Amino acid sequence: IKEIFNDAMNVRIGGDEFISIFTDGANMQS
């Protein structure tokens, strides 16, 4: 996650669940 989504806020929100937050400049297609 840290390597591939190095332009995002990467969070372990609990257990085996993770989220990556992308702000302006990144969209679903990219």
mmCIF file of all heavy atoms, coordinates in Angstrom:
data_MODEL
# 
_entry.id   MODEL 
# 
loop_
_atom_site.group_PDB 
_atom_site.id 
_atom_site.type_symbol 
_atom_site.label_atom_id 
_atom_site.label_alt_id 
_atom_site.label_comp_id 
_atom_site.label_asym_id 
_atom_site.label_entity_id 
_atom_site.label_seq_id 
_atom_site.pdbx_PDB_ins_code 
_atom_site.Cartn_x 
_atom_site.Cartn_y 
_atom_site.Cartn_z 
_atom_site.occupancy 
_atom_site.B_iso_or_equiv 
_atom_site.pdbx_formal_charge 
_atom_site.auth_seq_id 
_atom_site.auth_comp_id 
_atom_site.auth_asym_id 
_atom_site.auth_atom_id 
_atom_site.pdbx_PDB_model_num 
ATOM 1   N N   . ILE A 1 1  ? 0.844   -1.208 0.000   1.00 0.00 ? 1  ILE A N   1 
ATOM 2   C CA  . ILE A 1 1  ? 0.000   0.000  0.000   1.00 0.00 ? 1  ILE A CA  1 
ATOM 3   C C   . ILE A 1 1  ? 0.872   1.248  0.000   1.00 0.00 ? 1  ILE A C   1 
ATOM 4   O O   . ILE A 1 1  ? 0.636   2.196  -0.753  1.00 0.00 ? 1  ILE A O   1 
ATOM 5   C CB  . ILE A 1 1  ? -0.947  -0.017 1.227   1.00 0.00 ? 1  ILE A CB  1 
ATOM 6   C CG1 . ILE A 1 1  ? -2.017  -1.102 1.050   1.00 0.00 ? 1  ILE A CG1 1 
ATOM 7   C CG2 . ILE A 1 1  ? -1.601  1.351  1.428   1.00 0.00 ? 1  ILE A CG2 1 
ATOM 8   C CD1 . ILE A 1 1  ? -2.881  -1.321 2.289   1.00 0.00 ? 1  ILE A CD1 1 
ATOM 9   N N   . LYS A 1 2  ? 1.901   1.270  0.869   1.00 0.00 ? 2  LYS A N   1 
ATOM 10  C CA  . LYS A 1 2  ? 2.781   2.438  0.937   1.00 0.00 ? 2  LYS A CA  1 
ATOM 11  C C   . LYS A 1 2  ? 3.532   2.646  -0.374  1.00 0.00 ? 2  LYS A C   1 
ATOM 12  O O   . LYS A 1 2  ? 3.775   3.790  -0.793  1.00 0.00 ? 2  LYS A O   1 
ATOM 13  C CB  . LYS A 1 2  ? 3.768   2.272  2.108   1.00 0.00 ? 2  LYS A CB  1 
ATOM 14  C CG  . LYS A 1 2  ? 3.118   2.479  3.463   1.00 0.00 ? 2  LYS A CG  1 
ATOM 15  C CD  . LYS A 1 2  ? 4.141   2.423  4.592   1.00 0.00 ? 2  LYS A CD  1 
ATOM 16  C CE  . LYS A 1 2  ? 4.473   1.016  4.978   1.00 0.00 ? 2  LYS A CE  1 
ATOM 17  N NZ  . LYS A 1 2  ? 5.314   0.942  6.212   1.00 0.00 ? 2  LYS A NZ  1 
ATOM 18  N N   . GLU A 1 3  ? 3.919   1.561  -1.020  1.00 0.00 ? 3  GLU A N   1 
ATOM 19  C CA  . GLU A 1 3  ? 4.679   1.667  -2.268  1.00 0.00 ? 3  GLU A CA  1 
ATOM 20  C C   . GLU A 1 3  ? 3.797   2.095  -3.441  1.00 0.00 ? 3  GLU A C   1 
ATOM 21  O O   . GLU A 1 3  ? 4.140   3.021  -4.186  1.00 0.00 ? 3  GLU A O   1 
ATOM 22  C CB  . GLU A 1 3  ? 5.338   0.326  -2.578  1.00 0.00 ? 3  GLU A CB  1 
ATOM 23  C CG  . GLU A 1 3  ? 6.065   0.301  -3.921  1.00 0.00 ? 3  GLU A CG  1 
ATOM 24  C CD  . GLU A 1 3  ? 6.512   -1.096 -4.314  1.00 0.00 ? 3  GLU A CD  1 
ATOM 25  O OE1 . GLU A 1 3  ? 6.539   -2.000 -3.437  1.00 0.00 ? 3  GLU A OE1 1 
ATOM 26  O OE2 . GLU A 1 3  ? 6.839   -1.291 -5.501  1.00 0.00 ? 3  GLU A OE2 1 
ATOM 27  N N   . ILE A 1 4  ? 2.659   1.448  -3.588  1.00 0.00 ? 4  ILE A N   1 
ATOM 28  C CA  . ILE A 1 4  ? 1.815   1.680  -4.771  1.00 0.00 ? 4  ILE A CA  1 
ATOM 29  C C   . ILE A 1 4  ? 0.985   2.950  -4.639  1.00 0.00 ? 4  ILE A C   1 
ATOM 30  O O   . ILE A 1 4  ? 0.763   3.666  -5.624  1.00 0.00 ? 4  ILE A O   1 
ATOM 31  C CB  . ILE A 1 4  ? 0.907   0.450  -5.008  1.00 0.00 ? 4  ILE A CB  1 
ATOM 32  C CG1 . ILE A 1 4  ? 1.777   -0.789 -5.298  1.00 0.00 ? 4  ILE A CG1 1 
ATOM 33  C CG2 . ILE A 1 4  ? -0.071  0.698  -6.156  1.00 0.00 ? 4  ILE A CG2 1 
ATOM 34  C CD1 . ILE A 1 4  ? 1.002   -2.096 -5.348  1.00 0.00 ? 4  ILE A CD1 1 
ATOM 35  N N   . PHE A 1 5  ? 0.566   3.270  -3.427  1.00 0.00 ? 5  PHE A N   1 
ATOM 36  C CA  . PHE A 1 5  ? -0.271  4.461  -3.208  1.00 0.00 ? 5  PHE A CA  1 
ATOM 37  C C   . PHE A 1 5  ? 0.496   5.511  -2.401  1.00 0.00 ? 5  PHE A C   1 
ATOM 38  O O   . PHE A 1 5  ? 0.015   6.015  -1.384  1.00 0.00 ? 5  PHE A O   1 
ATOM 39  C CB  . PHE A 1 5  ? -1.569  4.064  -2.493  1.00 0.00 ? 5  PHE A CB  1 
ATOM 40  C CG  . PHE A 1 5  ? -2.326  2.964  -3.170  1.00 0.00 ? 5  PHE A CG  1 
ATOM 41  C CD1 . PHE A 1 5  ? -2.705  1.820  -2.474  1.00 0.00 ? 5  PHE A CD1 1 
ATOM 42  C CD2 . PHE A 1 5  ? -2.649  3.056  -4.519  1.00 0.00 ? 5  PHE A CD2 1 
ATOM 43  C CE1 . PHE A 1 5  ? -3.408  0.812  -3.106  1.00 0.00 ? 5  PHE A CE1 1 
ATOM 44  C CE2 . PHE A 1 5  ? -3.340  2.032  -5.158  1.00 0.00 ? 5  PHE A CE2 1 
ATOM 45  C CZ  . PHE A 1 5  ? -3.716  0.905  -4.450  1.00 0.00 ? 5  PHE A CZ  1 
ATOM 46  N N   . ASN A 1 6  ? 1.697   5.819  -2.847  1.00 0.00 ? 6  ASN A N   1 
ATOM 47  C CA  . ASN A 1 6  ? 2.549   6.765  -2.112  1.00 0.00 ? 6  ASN A CA  1 
ATOM 48  C C   . ASN A 1 6  ? 2.077   8.211  -2.226  1.00 0.00 ? 6  ASN A C   1 
ATOM 49  O O   . ASN A 1 6  ? 2.641   9.103  -1.608  1.00 0.00 ? 6  ASN A O   1 
ATOM 50  C CB  . ASN A 1 6  ? 4.005   6.652  -2.564  1.00 0.00 ? 6  ASN A CB  1 
ATOM 51  C CG  . ASN A 1 6  ? 4.166   6.896  -4.062  1.00 0.00 ? 6  ASN A CG  1 
ATOM 52  O OD1 . ASN A 1 6  ? 3.227   7.296  -4.741  1.00 0.00 ? 6  ASN A OD1 1 
ATOM 53  N ND2 . ASN A 1 6  ? 5.359   6.645  -4.564  1.00 0.00 ? 6  ASN A ND2 1 
ATOM 54  N N   . ASP A 1 7  ? 1.038   8.458  -3.021  1.00 0.00 ? 7  ASP A N   1 
ATOM 55  C CA  . ASP A 1 7  ? 0.477   9.800  -3.143  1.00 0.00 ? 7  ASP A CA  1 
ATOM 56  C C   . ASP A 1 7  ? -0.807  9.953  -2.332  1.00 0.00 ? 7  ASP A C   1 
ATOM 57  O O   . ASP A 1 7  ? -1.540  10.932 -2.491  1.00 0.00 ? 7  ASP A O   1 
ATOM 58  C CB  . ASP A 1 7  ? 0.191   10.114 -4.612  1.00 0.00 ? 7  ASP A CB  1 
ATOM 59  C CG  . ASP A 1 7  ? -0.738  9.091  -5.271  1.00 0.00 ? 7  ASP A CG  1 
ATOM 60  O OD1 . ASP A 1 7  ? -0.844  7.953  -4.739  1.00 0.00 ? 7  ASP A OD1 1 
ATOM 61  O OD2 . ASP A 1 7  ? -1.347  9.411  -6.309  1.00 0.00 ? 7  ASP A OD2 1 
ATOM 62  N N   . ALA A 1 8  ? -1.079  8.983  -1.469  1.00 0.00 ? 8  ALA A N   1 
ATOM 63  C CA  . ALA A 1 8  ? -2.336  8.985  -0.712  1.00 0.00 ? 8  ALA A CA  1 
ATOM 64  C C   . ALA A 1 8  ? -2.069  8.986  0.788   1.00 0.00 ? 8  ALA A C   1 
ATOM 65  O O   . ALA A 1 8  ? -0.955  8.724  1.246   1.00 0.00 ? 8  ALA A O   1 
ATOM 66  C CB  . ALA A 1 8  ? -3.172  7.760  -1.091  1.00 0.00 ? 8  ALA A CB  1 
ATOM 67  N N   . MET A 1 9  ? -3.106  9.314  1.559   1.00 0.00 ? 9  MET A N   1 
ATOM 68  C CA  . MET A 1 9  ? -3.080  9.137  3.007   1.00 0.00 ? 9  MET A CA  1 
ATOM 69  C C   . MET A 1 9  ? -3.524  7.705  3.272   1.00 0.00 ? 9  MET A C   1 
ATOM 70  O O   . MET A 1 9  ? -4.684  7.344  3.059   1.00 0.00 ? 9  MET A O   1 
ATOM 71  C CB  . MET A 1 9  ? -4.025  10.128 3.682   1.00 0.00 ? 9  MET A CB  1 
ATOM 72  C CG  . MET A 1 9  ? -4.388  9.764  5.123   1.00 0.00 ? 9  MET A CG  1 
ATOM 73  S SD  . MET A 1 9  ? -2.984  9.667  6.245   1.00 0.00 ? 9  MET A SD  1 
ATOM 74  C CE  . MET A 1 9  ? -2.597  11.385 6.458   1.00 0.00 ? 9  MET A CE  1 
ATOM 75  N N   . ASN A 1 10 ? -2.569  6.862  3.706   1.00 0.00 ? 10 ASN A N   1 
ATOM 76  C CA  . ASN A 1 10 ? -2.837  5.441  3.905   1.00 0.00 ? 10 ASN A CA  1 
ATOM 77  C C   . ASN A 1 10 ? -3.043  5.161  5.380   1.00 0.00 ? 10 ASN A C   1 
ATOM 78  O O   . ASN A 1 10 ? -2.198  5.500  6.215   1.00 0.00 ? 10 ASN A O   1 
ATOM 79  C CB  . ASN A 1 10 ? -1.677  4.618  3.358   1.00 0.00 ? 10 ASN A CB  1 
ATOM 80  C CG  . ASN A 1 10 ? -1.464  4.858  1.876   1.00 0.00 ? 10 ASN A CG  1 
ATOM 81  O OD1 . ASN A 1 10 ? -2.392  4.730  1.082   1.00 0.00 ? 10 ASN A OD1 1 
ATOM 82  N ND2 . ASN A 1 10 ? -0.243  5.196  1.489   1.00 0.00 ? 10 ASN A ND2 1 
ATOM 83  N N   . VAL A 1 11 ? -4.171  4.525  5.715   1.00 0.00 ? 11 VAL A N   1 
ATOM 84  C CA  . VAL A 1 11 ? -4.577  4.359  7.106   1.00 0.00 ? 11 VAL A CA  1 
ATOM 85  C C   . VAL A 1 11 ? -4.982  2.913  7.363   1.00 0.00 ? 11 VAL A C   1 
ATOM 86  O O   . VAL A 1 11 ? -5.693  2.300  6.560   1.00 0.00 ? 11 VAL A O   1 
ATOM 87  C CB  . VAL A 1 11 ? -5.772  5.279  7.448   1.00 0.00 ? 11 VAL A CB  1 
ATOM 88  C CG1 . VAL A 1 11 ? -6.096  5.206  8.938   1.00 0.00 ? 11 VAL A CG1 1 
ATOM 89  C CG2 . VAL A 1 11 ? -5.510  6.709  7.012   1.00 0.00 ? 11 VAL A CG2 1 
ATOM 90  N N   . ARG A 1 12 ? -4.495  2.374  8.480   1.00 0.00 ? 12 ARG A N   1 
ATOM 91  C CA  . ARG A 1 12 ? -5.045  1.117  8.972   1.00 0.00 ? 12 ARG A CA  1 
ATOM 92  C C   . ARG A 1 12 ? -6.143  1.491  9.961   1.00 0.00 ? 12 ARG A C   1 
ATOM 93  O O   . ARG A 1 12 ? -5.864  2.036  11.024  1.00 0.00 ? 12 ARG A O   1 
ATOM 94  C CB  . ARG A 1 12 ? -3.979  0.278  9.660   1.00 0.00 ? 12 ARG A CB  1 
ATOM 95  C CG  . ARG A 1 12 ? -4.523  -1.073 10.161  1.00 0.00 ? 12 ARG A CG  1 
ATOM 96  C CD  . ARG A 1 12 ? -3.492  -1.817 10.992  1.00 0.00 ? 12 ARG A CD  1 
ATOM 97  N NE  . ARG A 1 12 ? -4.027  -3.090 11.477  1.00 0.00 ? 12 ARG A NE  1 
ATOM 98  C CZ  . ARG A 1 12 ? -3.434  -3.849 12.400  1.00 0.00 ? 12 ARG A CZ  1 
ATOM 99  N NH1 . ARG A 1 12 ? -2.278  -3.459 12.945  1.00 0.00 ? 12 ARG A NH1 1 
ATOM 100 N NH2 . ARG A 1 12 ? -3.997  -4.999 12.786  1.00 0.00 ? 12 ARG A NH2 1 
ATOM 101 N N   . ILE A 1 13 ? -7.366  1.197  9.601   1.00 0.00 ? 13 ILE A N   1 
ATOM 102 C CA  . ILE A 1 13 ? -8.477  1.639  10.438  1.00 0.00 ? 13 ILE A CA  1 
ATOM 103 C C   . ILE A 1 13 ? -8.904  0.565  11.439  1.00 0.00 ? 13 ILE A C   1 
ATOM 104 O O   . ILE A 1 13 ? -9.747  0.820  12.305  1.00 0.00 ? 13 ILE A O   1 
ATOM 105 C CB  . ILE A 1 13 ? -9.682  2.091  9.593   1.00 0.00 ? 13 ILE A CB  1 
ATOM 106 C CG1 . ILE A 1 13 ? -10.166 0.981  8.673   1.00 0.00 ? 13 ILE A CG1 1 
ATOM 107 C CG2 . ILE A 1 13 ? -9.320  3.335  8.794   1.00 0.00 ? 13 ILE A CG2 1 
ATOM 108 C CD1 . ILE A 1 13 ? -11.435 1.349  7.921   1.00 0.00 ? 13 ILE A CD1 1 
ATOM 109 N N   . GLY A 1 14 ? -8.301  -0.612 11.327  1.00 0.00 ? 14 GLY A N   1 
ATOM 110 C CA  . GLY A 1 14 ? -8.598  -1.640 12.320  1.00 0.00 ? 14 GLY A CA  1 
ATOM 111 C C   . GLY A 1 14 ? -8.456  -3.022 11.730  1.00 0.00 ? 14 GLY A C   1 
ATOM 112 O O   . GLY A 1 14 ? -8.820  -3.251 10.571  1.00 0.00 ? 14 GLY A O   1 
ATOM 113 N N   . GLY A 1 15 ? -7.927  -3.977 12.529  1.00 0.00 ? 15 GLY A N   1 
ATOM 114 C CA  . GLY A 1 15 ? -7.819  -5.358 12.095  1.00 0.00 ? 15 GLY A CA  1 
ATOM 115 C C   . GLY A 1 15 ? -7.126  -5.495 10.755  1.00 0.00 ? 15 GLY A C   1 
ATOM 116 O O   . GLY A 1 15 ? -5.974  -5.093 10.580  1.00 0.00 ? 15 GLY A O   1 
ATOM 117 N N   . ASP A 1 16 ? -7.842  -6.034 9.779   1.00 0.00 ? 16 ASP A N   1 
ATOM 118 C CA  . ASP A 1 16 ? -7.290  -6.223 8.429   1.00 0.00 ? 16 ASP A CA  1 
ATOM 119 C C   . ASP A 1 16 ? -7.933  -5.257 7.440   1.00 0.00 ? 16 ASP A C   1 
ATOM 120 O O   . ASP A 1 16 ? -8.010  -5.541 6.241   1.00 0.00 ? 16 ASP A O   1 
ATOM 121 C CB  . ASP A 1 16 ? -7.513  -7.667 7.971   1.00 0.00 ? 16 ASP A CB  1 
ATOM 122 C CG  . ASP A 1 16 ? -8.994  -8.040 7.917   1.00 0.00 ? 16 ASP A CG  1 
ATOM 123 O OD1 . ASP A 1 16 ? -9.788  -7.408 8.646   1.00 0.00 ? 16 ASP A OD1 1 
ATOM 124 O OD2 . ASP A 1 16 ? -9.358  -8.944 7.143   1.00 0.00 ? 16 ASP A OD2 1 
ATOM 125 N N   . GLU A 1 17 ? -8.390  -4.096 7.927   1.00 0.00 ? 17 GLU A N   1 
ATOM 126 C CA  . GLU A 1 17 ? -9.035  -3.107 7.074   1.00 0.00 ? 17 GLU A CA  1 
ATOM 127 C C   . GLU A 1 17 ? -8.139  -1.877 6.899   1.00 0.00 ? 17 GLU A C   1 
ATOM 128 O O   . GLU A 1 17 ? -7.580  -1.365 7.867   1.00 0.00 ? 17 GLU A O   1 
ATOM 129 C CB  . GLU A 1 17 ? -10.381 -2.692 7.673   1.00 0.00 ? 17 GLU A CB  1 
ATOM 130 C CG  . GLU A 1 17 ? -11.382 -3.838 7.755   1.00 0.00 ? 17 GLU A CG  1 
ATOM 131 C CD  . GLU A 1 17 ? -12.721 -3.385 8.328   1.00 0.00 ? 17 GLU A CD  1 
ATOM 132 O OE1 . GLU A 1 17 ? -12.753 -2.295 8.956   1.00 0.00 ? 17 GLU A OE1 1 
ATOM 133 O OE2 . GLU A 1 17 ? -13.716 -4.087 8.132   1.00 0.00 ? 17 GLU A OE2 1 
ATOM 134 N N   . PHE A 1 18 ? -8.047  -1.419 5.657   1.00 0.00 ? 18 PHE A N   1 
ATOM 135 C CA  . PHE A 1 18 ? -7.189  -0.289 5.313   1.00 0.00 ? 18 PHE A CA  1 
ATOM 136 C C   . PHE A 1 18 ? -7.946  0.637  4.367   1.00 0.00 ? 18 PHE A C   1 
ATOM 137 O O   . PHE A 1 18 ? -8.799  0.196  3.589   1.00 0.00 ? 18 PHE A O   1 
ATOM 138 C CB  . PHE A 1 18 ? -5.914  -0.769 4.601   1.00 0.00 ? 18 PHE A CB  1 
ATOM 139 C CG  . PHE A 1 18 ? -5.152  -1.822 5.348   1.00 0.00 ? 18 PHE A CG  1 
ATOM 140 C CD1 . PHE A 1 18 ? -5.483  -3.179 5.207   1.00 0.00 ? 18 PHE A CD1 1 
ATOM 141 C CD2 . PHE A 1 18 ? -4.114  -1.483 6.200   1.00 0.00 ? 18 PHE A CD2 1 
ATOM 142 C CE1 . PHE A 1 18 ? -4.775  -4.154 5.898   1.00 0.00 ? 18 PHE A CE1 1 
ATOM 143 C CE2 . PHE A 1 18 ? -3.402  -2.448 6.886   1.00 0.00 ? 18 PHE A CE2 1 
ATOM 144 C CZ  . PHE A 1 18 ? -3.737  -3.791 6.727   1.00 0.00 ? 18 PHE A CZ  1 
ATOM 145 N N   . ILE A 1 19 ? -7.598  1.922  4.447   1.00 0.00 ? 19 ILE A N   1 
ATOM 146 C CA  . ILE A 1 19 ? -8.122  2.860  3.462   1.00 0.00 ? 19 ILE A CA  1 
ATOM 147 C C   . ILE A 1 19 ? -6.982  3.732  2.943   1.00 0.00 ? 19 ILE A C   1 
ATOM 148 O O   . ILE A 1 19 ? -6.001  3.980  3.641   1.00 0.00 ? 19 ILE A O   1 
ATOM 149 C CB  . ILE A 1 19 ? -9.244  3.766  4.031   1.00 0.00 ? 19 ILE A CB  1 
ATOM 150 C CG1 . ILE A 1 19 ? -8.715  4.637  5.177   1.00 0.00 ? 19 ILE A CG1 1 
ATOM 151 C CG2 . ILE A 1 19 ? -10.443 2.940  4.462   1.00 0.00 ? 19 ILE A CG2 1 
ATOM 152 C CD1 . ILE A 1 19 ? -9.718  5.687  5.635   1.00 0.00 ? 19 ILE A CD1 1 
ATOM 153 N N   . SER A 1 20 ? -7.128  4.150  1.697   1.00 0.00 ? 20 SER A N   1 
ATOM 154 C CA  . SER A 1 20 ? -6.225  5.129  1.103   1.00 0.00 ? 20 SER A CA  1 
ATOM 155 C C   . SER A 1 20 ? -7.079  6.283  0.609   1.00 0.00 ? 20 SER A C   1 
ATOM 156 O O   . SER A 1 20 ? -8.068  6.068  -0.114  1.00 0.00 ? 20 SER A O   1 
ATOM 157 C CB  . SER A 1 20 ? -5.430  4.517  -0.060  1.00 0.00 ? 20 SER A CB  1 
ATOM 158 O OG  . SER A 1 20 ? -4.537  3.527  0.403   1.00 0.00 ? 20 SER A OG  1 
ATOM 159 N N   . ILE A 1 21 ? -6.711  7.507  1.007   1.00 0.00 ? 21 ILE A N   1 
ATOM 160 C CA  . ILE A 1 21 ? -7.487  8.695  0.651   1.00 0.00 ? 21 ILE A CA  1 
ATOM 161 C C   . ILE A 1 21 ? -6.702  9.493  -0.374  1.00 0.00 ? 21 ILE A C   1 
ATOM 162 O O   . ILE A 1 21 ? -5.566  9.901  -0.133  1.00 0.00 ? 21 ILE A O   1 
ATOM 163 C CB  . ILE A 1 21 ? -7.772  9.568  1.887   1.00 0.00 ? 21 ILE A CB  1 
ATOM 164 C CG1 . ILE A 1 21 ? -8.482  8.744  2.968   1.00 0.00 ? 21 ILE A CG1 1 
ATOM 165 C CG2 . ILE A 1 21 ? -8.602  10.788 1.515   1.00 0.00 ? 21 ILE A CG2 1 
ATOM 166 C CD1 . ILE A 1 21 ? -8.630  9.466  4.287   1.00 0.00 ? 21 ILE A CD1 1 
ATOM 167 N N   . PHE A 1 22 ? -7.330  9.723  -1.514  1.00 0.00 ? 22 PHE A N   1 
ATOM 168 C CA  . PHE A 1 22 ? -6.711  10.491 -2.598  1.00 0.00 ? 22 PHE A CA  1 
ATOM 169 C C   . PHE A 1 22 ? -7.439  11.823 -2.717  1.00 0.00 ? 22 PHE A C   1 
ATOM 170 O O   . PHE A 1 22 ? -8.663  11.862 -2.770  1.00 0.00 ? 22 PHE A O   1 
ATOM 171 C CB  . PHE A 1 22 ? -6.805  9.733  -3.920  1.00 0.00 ? 22 PHE A CB  1 
ATOM 172 C CG  . PHE A 1 22 ? -6.161  8.380  -3.900  1.00 0.00 ? 22 PHE A CG  1 
ATOM 173 C CD1 . PHE A 1 22 ? -6.862  7.263  -3.425  1.00 0.00 ? 22 PHE A CD1 1 
ATOM 174 C CD2 . PHE A 1 22 ? -4.860  8.206  -4.332  1.00 0.00 ? 22 PHE A CD2 1 
ATOM 175 C CE1 . PHE A 1 22 ? -6.283  6.013  -3.406  1.00 0.00 ? 22 PHE A CE1 1 
ATOM 176 C CE2 . PHE A 1 22 ? -4.264  6.954  -4.317  1.00 0.00 ? 22 PHE A CE2 1 
ATOM 177 C CZ  . PHE A 1 22 ? -4.977  5.855  -3.847  1.00 0.00 ? 22 PHE A CZ  1 
ATOM 178 N N   . THR A 1 23 ? -6.700  12.896 -2.766  1.00 0.00 ? 23 THR A N   1 
ATOM 179 C CA  . THR A 1 23 ? -7.305  14.220 -2.887  1.00 0.00 ? 23 THR A CA  1 
ATOM 180 C C   . THR A 1 23 ? -7.186  14.706 -4.323  1.00 0.00 ? 23 THR A C   1 
ATOM 181 O O   . THR A 1 23 ? -6.996  13.907 -5.245  1.00 0.00 ? 23 THR A O   1 
ATOM 182 C CB  . THR A 1 23 ? -6.638  15.204 -1.915  1.00 0.00 ? 23 THR A CB  1 
ATOM 183 O OG1 . THR A 1 23 ? -5.227  15.192 -2.121  1.00 0.00 ? 23 THR A OG1 1 
ATOM 184 C CG2 . THR A 1 23 ? -6.913  14.794 -0.471  1.00 0.00 ? 23 THR A CG2 1 
ATOM 185 N N   . ASP A 1 24 ? -7.304  16.023 -4.531  1.00 0.00 ? 24 ASP A N   1 
ATOM 186 C CA  . ASP A 1 24 ? -7.336  16.577 -5.890  1.00 0.00 ? 24 ASP A CA  1 
ATOM 187 C C   . ASP A 1 24 ? -6.215  16.021 -6.758  1.00 0.00 ? 24 ASP A C   1 
ATOM 188 O O   . ASP A 1 24 ? -5.062  15.949 -6.351  1.00 0.00 ? 24 ASP A O   1 
ATOM 189 C CB  . ASP A 1 24 ? -7.202  18.100 -5.831  1.00 0.00 ? 24 ASP A CB  1 
ATOM 190 C CG  . ASP A 1 24 ? -8.426  18.730 -5.196  1.00 0.00 ? 24 ASP A CG  1 
ATOM 191 O OD1 . ASP A 1 24 ? -9.487  18.091 -5.221  1.00 0.00 ? 24 ASP A OD1 1 
ATOM 192 O OD2 . ASP A 1 24 ? -8.302  19.845 -4.652  1.00 0.00 ? 24 ASP A OD2 1 
ATOM 193 N N   . GLY A 1 25 ? -6.553  15.623 -7.930  1.00 0.00 ? 25 GLY A N   1 
ATOM 194 C CA  . GLY A 1 25 ? -5.553  15.134 -8.871  1.00 0.00 ? 25 GLY A CA  1 
ATOM 195 C C   . GLY A 1 25 ? -5.650  13.650 -9.128  1.00 0.00 ? 25 GLY A C   1 
ATOM 196 O O   . GLY A 1 25 ? -5.095  13.137 -10.092 1.00 0.00 ? 25 GLY A O   1 
ATOM 197 N N   . ALA A 1 26 ? -6.316  12.935 -8.254  1.00 0.00 ? 26 ALA A N   1 
ATOM 198 C CA  . ALA A 1 26 ? -6.472  11.497 -8.430  1.00 0.00 ? 26 ALA A CA  1 
ATOM 199 C C   . ALA A 1 26 ? -7.957  11.170 -8.524  1.00 0.00 ? 26 ALA A C   1 
ATOM 200 O O   . ALA A 1 26 ? -8.761  11.656 -7.737  1.00 0.00 ? 26 ALA A O   1 
ATOM 201 C CB  . ALA A 1 26 ? -5.838  10.747 -7.268  1.00 0.00 ? 26 ALA A CB  1 
ATOM 202 N N   . ASN A 1 27 ? -8.334  10.343 -9.496  1.00 0.00 ? 27 ASN A N   1 
ATOM 203 C CA  . ASN A 1 27 ? -9.727  9.934  -9.632  1.00 0.00 ? 27 ASN A CA  1 
ATOM 204 C C   . ASN A 1 27 ? -9.815  8.421  -9.737  1.00 0.00 ? 27 ASN A C   1 
ATOM 205 O O   . ASN A 1 27 ? -8.794  7.723  -9.767  1.00 0.00 ? 27 ASN A O   1 
ATOM 206 C CB  . ASN A 1 27 ? -10.380 10.605 -10.847 1.00 0.00 ? 27 ASN A CB  1 
ATOM 207 C CG  . ASN A 1 27 ? -9.580  10.378 -12.119 1.00 0.00 ? 27 ASN A CG  1 
ATOM 208 O OD1 . ASN A 1 27 ? -9.080  9.280  -12.361 1.00 0.00 ? 27 ASN A OD1 1 
ATOM 209 N ND2 . ASN A 1 27 ? -9.452  11.427 -12.925 1.00 0.00 ? 27 ASN A ND2 1 
ATOM 210 N N   . MET A 1 28 ? -11.029 7.932  -9.787  1.00 0.00 ? 28 MET A N   1 
ATOM 211 C CA  . MET A 1 28 ? -11.233 6.478  -9.781  1.00 0.00 ? 28 MET A CA  1 
ATOM 212 C C   . MET A 1 28 ? -10.562 5.797  -10.965 1.00 0.00 ? 28 MET A C   1 
ATOM 213 O O   . MET A 1 28 ? -10.020 4.710  -10.837 1.00 0.00 ? 28 MET A O   1 
ATOM 214 C CB  . MET A 1 28 ? -12.735 6.178  -9.773  1.00 0.00 ? 28 MET A CB  1 
ATOM 215 C CG  . MET A 1 28 ? -13.410 6.558  -8.457  1.00 0.00 ? 28 MET A CG  1 
ATOM 216 S SD  . MET A 1 28 ? -15.143 6.072  -8.390  1.00 0.00 ? 28 MET A SD  1 
ATOM 217 C CE  . MET A 1 28 ? -15.849 7.171  -9.624  1.00 0.00 ? 28 MET A CE  1 
ATOM 218 N N   . GLN A 1 29 ? -10.586 6.459  -12.128 1.00 0.00 ? 29 GLN A N   1 
ATOM 219 C CA  . GLN A 1 29 ? -10.019 5.854  -13.330 1.00 0.00 ? 29 GLN A CA  1 
ATOM 220 C C   . GLN A 1 29 ? -8.500  5.698  -13.225 1.00 0.00 ? 29 GLN A C   1 
ATOM 221 O O   . GLN A 1 29 ? -7.921  4.733  -13.724 1.00 0.00 ? 29 GLN A O   1 
ATOM 222 C CB  . GLN A 1 29 ? -10.364 6.695  -14.565 1.00 0.00 ? 29 GLN A CB  1 
ATOM 223 C CG  . GLN A 1 29 ? -11.821 6.582  -15.007 1.00 0.00 ? 29 GLN A CG  1 
ATOM 224 C CD  . GLN A 1 29 ? -12.784 7.258  -14.032 1.00 0.00 ? 29 GLN A CD  1 
ATOM 225 O OE1 . GLN A 1 29 ? -12.414 8.246  -13.392 1.00 0.00 ? 29 GLN A OE1 1 
ATOM 226 N NE2 . GLN A 1 29 ? -13.985 6.718  -13.912 1.00 0.00 ? 29 GLN A NE2 1 
ATOM 227 N N   . SER A 1 30 ? -7.843  6.669  -12.552 1.00 0.00 ? 30 SER A N   1 
ATOM 228 C CA  . SER A 1 30 ? -6.389  6.569  -12.395 1.00 0.00 ? 30 SER A CA  1 
ATOM 229 C C   . SER A 1 30 ? -6.003  5.656  -11.244 1.00 0.00 ? 30 SER A C   1 
ATOM 230 O O   . SER A 1 30 ? -4.901  5.098  -11.228 1.00 0.00 ? 30 SER A O   1 
ATOM 231 C CB  . SER A 1 30 ? -5.789  7.961  -12.174 1.00 0.00 ? 30 SER A CB  1 
ATOM 232 O OG  . SER A 1 30 ? -6.240  8.513  -10.943 1.00 0.00 ? 30 SER A OG  1 
# 
